[in-house]
Amino acid sequence: MIVRRVRSVTLVAVLLPAMLFTLPIWLPVVAAIDLVAGRRRFPMVRIGLMGVAYLGHQWWGIGTVAWLSISGRGRSVRHHRALQQRWVRSLIRAGRPLLGVEFDIRGPELPDGRVVMLSRHASMVDALVPVLLADRADDRPVHYALKAELQHDPCLDIVGHRLDNWFVQRGQDTEREVTGLRSLAARSDPDAVLAIFPEGTYATPGTRARVQSSLDRNGPPEAAALARELDRLLPPKPAGADALLESATDASVVFVGHIGLEGVAETSGLLATIPLRHPIVVDGWTVPRERIPDGPERVPWLYEQWRRLDRWVVEATLAREDSD
């Protein structure tokens, strides 16, 4: 952990001044590439400038964490949660003029008590949604299940561990990850939001094809059949959600969908989409705990809810296209 953090913090410390110092060189070059390619909205310029803004947020986050540690508040959940919320809001403000990032949050309203939030995953941008939803609901604590690779981002690494998130080592010891998620849910506050992206990765066309091929070869058959049914989403992996619900025995489930980030996770789609032309619409629904089945019935129930989420994404996308 120490070696990883030294490397990631050093990289951020060096990269921001390097990008700022060389800005008069690389920015015109990138703008020329956009023009030659016929991209009049200058997506590469916008992405480059957003990269500078993101590195600036890294400096700010690391500096704030250092100050909290020096001042004896390094273990203060309240101060780190406030930092997370300010960081997210500031990042969105930076992304608004550069990338066109604007959220239209229509729902869902979070119920009282503990919540397991199961969200669609289309890009890194939608990782902000659980914090935004919790911020609307009286500043509730949010604990994420995140892929372990994100620990190479110093702010996500340091603050993420201090706020008690679980970093999943994908493709490794499944039982270890399930045990970690159960433990996370068991020690969470009574009003906590436990956020997980059950697809496990971005649902791009390429990923959908690879997942379908893998499920056809290795099963389970029900997941392979569901993958063929879904138009926009990947079939959810039930182990993580099941682990959270097994330990958080009082938790309701909130399903979260969104439209507006389609194509952003792939380079060609990103260049064609940035800046976003429409707000990112977020909506969903809640299933109270008493309506969540236990045991072997939970997986078919989860699959049916995911079919509903996929239908919402399709219908909301078509409604937007019709209104244009």
Protein backbone atom coordinates (compact mmCIF):
# COMPACT_ATOMS: atom_id res chain seq x y z
CA MET A 1 0.00 0.00 0.00
CA ILE A 2 2.77 2.46 0.93
CA VAL A 3 4.68 1.83 -2.31
CA ARG A 4 1.50 2.24 -4.37
CA ARG A 5 0.64 5.54 -2.70
CA VAL A 6 4.15 6.92 -3.02
CA ARG A 7 4.07 6.13 -6.74
CA SER A 8 0.59 7.53 -7.38
CA VAL A 9 1.09 10.70 -5.34
CA THR A 10 4.47 11.32 -6.97
CA LEU A 11 2.97 10.86 -10.44
CA VAL A 12 0.19 13.36 -9.69
CA ALA A 13 2.67 15.80 -8.14
CA VAL A 14 4.82 15.74 -11.27
CA LEU A 15 2.13 15.45 -13.92
CA LEU A 16 0.09 18.56 -13.08
CA PRO A 17 2.94 21.10 -13.33
CA ALA A 18 4.26 19.28 -16.41
CA MET A 19 0.89 19.60 -18.17
CA LEU A 20 0.53 23.24 -17.13
CA PHE A 21 4.08 24.13 -18.18
CA THR A 22 3.69 22.47 -21.59
CA LEU A 23 0.11 23.69 -22.13
CA PRO A 24 1.13 26.22 -24.84
CA ILE A 25 2.65 23.32 -26.76
CA TRP A 26 0.22 20.44 -26.43
CA LEU A 27 -3.04 22.41 -26.49
CA PRO A 28 -2.58 23.85 -30.03
CA VAL A 29 -1.41 20.44 -31.25
CA VAL A 30 -4.49 18.73 -29.84
CA ALA A 31 -6.74 21.46 -31.26
CA ALA A 32 -5.16 20.96 -34.69
CA ILE A 33 -5.80 17.21 -34.48
CA ASP A 34 -9.46 17.91 -33.70
CA LEU A 35 -9.73 20.29 -36.66
CA VAL A 36 -8.04 17.91 -39.11
CA ALA A 37 -10.40 15.15 -37.99
CA GLY A 38 -13.39 17.44 -38.53
CA ARG A 39 -14.31 17.56 -34.86
CA ARG A 40 -15.52 21.15 -34.56
CA ARG A 41 -16.57 20.76 -30.93
CA PHE A 42 -12.92 20.08 -29.99
CA PRO A 43 -13.46 16.97 -27.82
CA MET A 44 -9.74 16.23 -27.42
CA VAL A 45 -9.08 19.78 -26.25
CA ARG A 46 -11.93 19.51 -23.75
CA ILE A 47 -10.74 16.13 -22.48
CA GLY A 48 -7.18 17.41 -22.13
CA LEU A 49 -8.31 20.44 -20.14
CA MET A 50 -10.53 18.22 -17.99
CA GLY A 51 -7.48 16.08 -17.32
CA VAL A 52 -5.69 19.17 -16.02
CA ALA A 53 -8.73 20.01 -13.86
CA TYR A 54 -8.81 16.45 -12.52
CA LEU A 55 -5.14 16.59 -11.58
CA GLY A 56 -5.84 19.90 -9.84
CA HIS A 57 -8.55 18.15 -7.83
CA GLN A 58 -6.02 15.46 -6.94
CA TRP A 59 -3.64 18.10 -5.58
CA TRP A 60 -6.49 19.65 -3.61
CA GLY A 61 -7.66 16.29 -2.24
CA ILE A 62 -4.17 15.11 -1.28
CA GLY A 63 -3.39 18.45 0.35
CA THR A 64 -6.62 18.38 2.35
CA VAL A 65 -5.98 14.81 3.49
CA ALA A 66 -2.47 15.78 4.57
CA TRP A 67 -3.83 18.74 6.54
CA LEU A 68 -6.46 16.57 8.22
CA SER A 69 -3.77 14.10 9.23
CA ILE A 70 -1.41 16.79 10.55
CA SER A 71 -4.23 18.45 12.51
CA GLY A 72 -5.21 15.20 14.21
CA ARG A 73 -8.37 14.63 12.14
CA GLY A 74 -6.97 11.86 9.97
CA ARG A 75 -9.56 9.42 11.33
CA SER A 76 -12.50 11.82 11.20
CA VAL A 77 -15.18 10.28 9.02
CA ARG A 78 -17.17 13.52 9.13
CA HIS A 79 -14.35 15.61 7.68
CA HIS A 80 -13.49 13.06 5.00
CA ARG A 81 -17.13 12.73 4.00
CA ALA A 82 -17.34 16.52 3.67
CA LEU A 83 -14.20 16.44 1.52
CA GLN A 84 -15.76 13.77 -0.71
CA GLN A 85 -18.92 15.80 -1.20
CA ARG A 86 -17.03 19.02 -1.99
CA TRP A 87 -14.71 17.13 -4.33
CA VAL A 88 -17.62 15.61 -6.25
CA ARG A 89 -19.51 18.91 -6.54
CA SER A 90 -16.38 20.77 -7.66
CA LEU A 91 -15.53 18.10 -10.22
CA ILE A 92 -19.02 18.38 -11.69
CA ARG A 93 -18.69 22.17 -11.88
CA ALA A 94 -15.44 21.73 -13.81
CA GLY A 95 -17.02 19.13 -16.08
CA ARG A 96 -20.02 21.28 -16.93
CA PRO A 97 -18.36 23.76 -19.34
CA LEU A 98 -15.65 21.37 -20.52
CA LEU A 99 -17.53 18.10 -21.02
CA GLY A 100 -21.17 19.15 -20.88
CA VAL A 101 -21.74 17.16 -17.69
CA GLU A 102 -25.10 18.10 -16.20
CA PHE A 103 -27.22 15.82 -14.02
CA ASP A 104 -31.01 15.73 -14.16
CA ILE A 105 -31.79 13.66 -11.07
CA ARG A 106 -35.46 12.73 -11.14
CA GLY A 107 -35.19 9.96 -8.58
CA PRO A 108 -35.09 7.69 -6.82
CA GLU A 109 -35.83 9.09 -3.39
CA LEU A 110 -33.84 7.13 -0.85
CA PRO A 111 -35.95 5.48 1.85
CA ASP A 112 -35.15 5.74 5.52
CA GLY A 113 -32.77 3.19 6.94
CA ARG A 114 -29.98 1.26 5.32
CA VAL A 115 -29.99 0.95 1.55
CA VAL A 116 -28.25 -1.32 -0.95
CA MET A 117 -27.96 0.69 -4.17
CA LEU A 118 -27.61 -1.29 -7.41
CA SER A 119 -26.69 1.01 -10.27
CA ARG A 120 -26.14 0.81 -13.98
CA HIS A 121 -22.49 1.31 -14.96
CA ALA A 122 -21.63 3.09 -18.23
CA SER A 123 -18.57 5.18 -17.35
CA MET A 124 -16.56 6.63 -14.47
CA VAL A 125 -18.97 9.58 -14.42
CA ASP A 126 -21.85 7.52 -13.04
CA ALA A 127 -19.74 6.63 -10.00
CA LEU A 128 -20.66 10.13 -8.76
CA VAL A 129 -24.38 9.32 -8.68
CA PRO A 130 -24.56 7.53 -5.28
CA VAL A 131 -22.89 10.50 -3.57
CA LEU A 132 -25.27 12.92 -5.32
CA LEU A 133 -28.31 10.90 -4.28
CA ALA A 134 -27.08 10.57 -0.69
CA ASP A 135 -26.33 14.30 -0.60
CA ARG A 136 -30.01 14.94 -1.36
CA ALA A 137 -31.01 12.65 1.52
CA ASP A 138 -29.58 14.42 4.57
CA ASP A 139 -25.91 13.73 3.98
CA ARG A 140 -25.96 9.96 4.45
CA PRO A 141 -22.76 7.88 4.49
CA VAL A 142 -21.95 6.10 1.24
CA HIS A 143 -19.81 2.96 1.05
CA TYR A 144 -18.79 1.70 -2.39
CA ALA A 145 -17.75 -1.63 -3.80
CA LEU A 146 -15.03 -0.49 -6.22
CA LYS A 147 -12.60 -2.29 -8.48
CA ALA A 148 -9.16 -2.54 -6.91
CA GLU A 149 -7.49 -0.83 -9.89
CA LEU A 150 -8.95 2.47 -8.72
CA GLN A 151 -6.51 2.42 -5.81
CA HIS A 152 -3.95 3.79 -8.27
CA ASP A 153 -5.90 7.06 -8.05
CA PRO A 154 -4.42 8.60 -4.89
CA CYS A 155 -7.55 10.45 -3.71
CA LEU A 156 -9.82 7.45 -4.29
CA ASP A 157 -7.26 5.26 -2.57
CA ILE A 158 -6.62 7.33 0.56
CA VAL A 159 -10.07 8.84 1.12
CA GLY A 160 -11.77 5.69 -0.14
CA HIS A 161 -10.13 3.58 2.55
CA ARG A 162 -10.75 6.16 5.27
CA LEU A 163 -14.45 6.19 4.34
CA ASP A 164 -14.55 2.39 4.53
CA ASN A 165 -15.13 1.34 0.94
CA TRP A 166 -14.32 -2.14 -0.31
CA PHE A 167 -11.92 -2.51 -3.25
CA VAL A 168 -12.72 -5.69 -5.14
CA GLN A 169 -9.90 -7.78 -6.62
CA ARG A 170 -11.69 -8.99 -9.73
CA GLY A 171 -10.94 -12.50 -10.90
CA GLN A 172 -9.21 -13.43 -7.65
CA ASP A 173 -10.54 -15.12 -4.49
CA THR A 174 -14.33 -14.75 -4.77
CA GLU A 175 -14.94 -15.93 -1.21
CA ARG A 176 -12.56 -13.28 0.12
CA GLU A 177 -14.44 -10.55 -1.74
CA VAL A 178 -17.84 -11.83 -0.58
CA THR A 179 -16.59 -11.97 3.00
CA GLY A 180 -15.27 -8.41 2.72
CA LEU A 181 -18.61 -7.13 1.43
CA ARG A 182 -20.50 -8.91 4.20
CA SER A 183 -18.22 -7.35 6.77
CA LEU A 184 -18.64 -3.90 5.19
CA ALA A 185 -22.44 -4.19 5.37
CA ALA A 186 -22.41 -5.53 8.92
CA ARG A 187 -20.42 -2.58 10.31
CA SER A 188 -22.19 0.14 8.29
CA ASP A 189 -24.37 2.77 9.94
CA PRO A 190 -28.15 2.28 10.19
CA ASP A 191 -28.70 4.93 7.49
CA ALA A 192 -25.79 3.96 5.21
CA VAL A 193 -25.94 3.65 1.44
CA LEU A 194 -24.07 0.56 0.19
CA ALA A 195 -23.42 1.19 -3.50
CA ILE A 196 -22.42 -1.50 -5.95
CA PHE A 197 -22.37 -1.77 -9.75
CA PRO A 198 -23.44 -5.38 -10.29
CA GLU A 199 -22.55 -5.47 -13.99
CA GLY A 200 -18.92 -5.36 -12.89
CA THR A 201 -17.74 -3.28 -15.86
CA TYR A 202 -18.99 -0.84 -18.48
CA ALA A 203 -21.71 -2.20 -20.74
CA THR A 204 -20.14 -1.26 -24.08
CA PRO A 205 -20.96 -3.20 -27.27
CA GLY A 206 -17.57 -4.88 -27.11
CA THR A 207 -17.97 -5.86 -23.48
CA ARG A 208 -21.47 -7.15 -24.10
CA ALA A 209 -20.17 -9.42 -26.87
CA ARG A 210 -17.32 -10.74 -24.71
CA VAL A 211 -19.59 -11.36 -21.74
CA GLN A 212 -22.14 -13.13 -23.92
CA SER A 213 -19.44 -15.39 -25.38
CA SER A 214 -18.08 -16.18 -21.93
CA LEU A 215 -21.50 -16.97 -20.49
CA ASP A 216 -22.39 -19.15 -23.46
CA ARG A 217 -19.24 -21.20 -22.81
CA ASN A 218 -19.21 -21.29 -19.03
CA GLY A 219 -22.68 -20.34 -17.87
CA PRO A 220 -24.68 -20.12 -15.77
CA PRO A 221 -27.37 -20.71 -18.43
CA GLU A 222 -29.81 -18.27 -16.80
CA ALA A 223 -27.27 -15.45 -17.00
CA ALA A 224 -26.45 -16.32 -20.63
CA ALA A 225 -30.15 -16.19 -21.51
CA LEU A 226 -30.56 -12.87 -19.71
CA ALA A 227 -27.57 -11.41 -21.57
CA ARG A 228 -29.29 -12.22 -24.87
CA GLU A 229 -32.49 -10.50 -23.67
CA LEU A 230 -30.93 -7.26 -22.50
CA ASP A 231 -30.62 -4.42 -25.03
CA ARG A 232 -28.33 -2.01 -23.15
CA LEU A 233 -27.15 -3.60 -19.91
CA LEU A 234 -24.97 -6.51 -18.88
CA PRO A 235 -26.46 -9.22 -16.69
CA PRO A 236 -25.80 -8.47 -13.02
CA LYS A 237 -23.41 -10.59 -10.99
CA PRO A 238 -25.49 -11.53 -7.96
CA ALA A 239 -22.74 -12.46 -5.49
CA GLY A 240 -21.89 -8.93 -4.38
CA ALA A 241 -25.46 -7.72 -3.96
CA ASP A 242 -26.37 -10.95 -2.19
CA ALA A 243 -23.46 -10.57 0.22
CA LEU A 244 -24.53 -7.03 1.16
CA LEU A 245 -28.16 -8.09 1.65
CA GLU A 246 -27.19 -11.11 3.73
CA SER A 247 -25.42 -8.91 6.28
CA ALA A 248 -27.55 -5.77 6.04
CA THR A 249 -30.70 -7.68 6.91
CA ASP A 250 -32.74 -4.49 7.30
CA ALA A 251 -31.70 -2.88 3.99
CA SER A 252 -34.06 -1.95 1.19
CA VAL A 253 -32.79 -2.05 -2.39
CA VAL A 254 -32.66 0.98 -4.67
CA PHE A 255 -32.19 0.39 -8.39
CA VAL A 256 -30.60 3.29 -10.28
CA GLY A 257 -30.60 3.83 -14.03
CA HIS A 258 -29.41 6.70 -16.18
CA ILE A 259 -29.14 7.76 -19.80
CA GLY A 260 -26.75 10.16 -21.45
CA LEU A 261 -23.42 8.41 -21.01
CA GLU A 262 -23.80 5.85 -23.77
CA GLY A 263 -20.60 5.47 -25.77
CA VAL A 264 -18.46 7.49 -23.34
CA ALA A 265 -16.51 4.44 -22.15
CA GLU A 266 -14.99 3.82 -25.60
CA THR A 267 -12.54 6.17 -27.32
CA SER A 268 -14.50 6.55 -30.56
CA GLY A 269 -17.75 7.14 -28.69
CA LEU A 270 -16.07 9.56 -26.31
CA LEU A 271 -14.74 11.73 -29.14
CA ALA A 272 -18.12 11.66 -30.87
CA THR A 273 -20.08 12.46 -27.70
CA ILE A 274 -18.05 15.11 -25.86
CA PRO A 275 -19.34 17.62 -25.00
CA LEU A 276 -22.55 15.92 -23.93
CA ARG A 277 -25.54 17.38 -25.72
CA HIS A 278 -28.10 16.41 -23.09
CA PRO A 279 -28.20 16.19 -19.30
CA ILE A 280 -27.53 12.82 -17.70
CA VAL A 281 -31.00 11.72 -16.60
CA VAL A 282 -31.02 9.63 -13.42
CA ASP A 283 -34.03 7.72 -12.14
CA GLY A 284 -34.95 4.47 -10.46
CA TRP A 285 -37.12 2.81 -7.86
CA THR A 286 -37.02 1.27 -4.39
CA VAL A 287 -37.93 -2.26 -3.30
CA PRO A 288 -38.73 -2.41 0.43
CA ARG A 289 -36.98 -5.09 2.42
CA GLU A 290 -40.13 -7.12 3.02
CA ARG A 291 -40.54 -7.56 -0.76
CA ILE A 292 -37.01 -8.86 -1.33
CA PRO A 293 -36.92 -12.67 -1.51
CA ASP A 294 -34.38 -14.74 0.35
CA GLY A 295 -32.45 -17.81 -0.62
CA PRO A 296 -32.57 -19.25 -4.14
CA GLU A 297 -35.42 -16.92 -5.20
CA ARG A 298 -33.24 -13.84 -4.93
CA VAL A 299 -31.26 -14.35 -8.16
CA PRO A 300 -34.35 -14.69 -10.40
CA TRP A 301 -35.79 -11.63 -8.64
CA LEU A 302 -32.61 -9.64 -9.31
CA TYR A 303 -32.66 -10.69 -12.96
CA GLU A 304 -36.25 -9.53 -13.33
CA GLN A 305 -35.45 -6.17 -11.76
CA TRP A 306 -32.53 -5.84 -14.19
CA ARG A 307 -34.85 -6.52 -17.12
CA ARG A 308 -37.02 -3.68 -15.84
CA LEU A 309 -33.98 -1.39 -15.61
CA ASP A 310 -32.94 -2.30 -19.15
CA ARG A 311 -36.44 -1.50 -20.43
CA TRP A 312 -36.33 1.87 -18.68
CA VAL A 313 -33.00 2.72 -20.32
CA VAL A 314 -34.36 1.81 -23.76
CA GLU A 315 -37.63 3.69 -23.30
CA ALA A 316 -35.99 6.79 -21.84
CA THR A 317 -33.45 6.86 -24.67
CA LEU A 318 -36.17 6.54 -27.33
CA ALA A 319 -38.24 9.27 -25.65
CA ARG A 320 -35.25 11.60 -25.74
CA GLU A 321 -34.56 10.81 -29.39
CA ASP A 322 -38.21 11.50 -30.27
CA SER A 323 -38.09 14.86 -28.52
CA ASP A 324 -34.98 16.03 -30.43
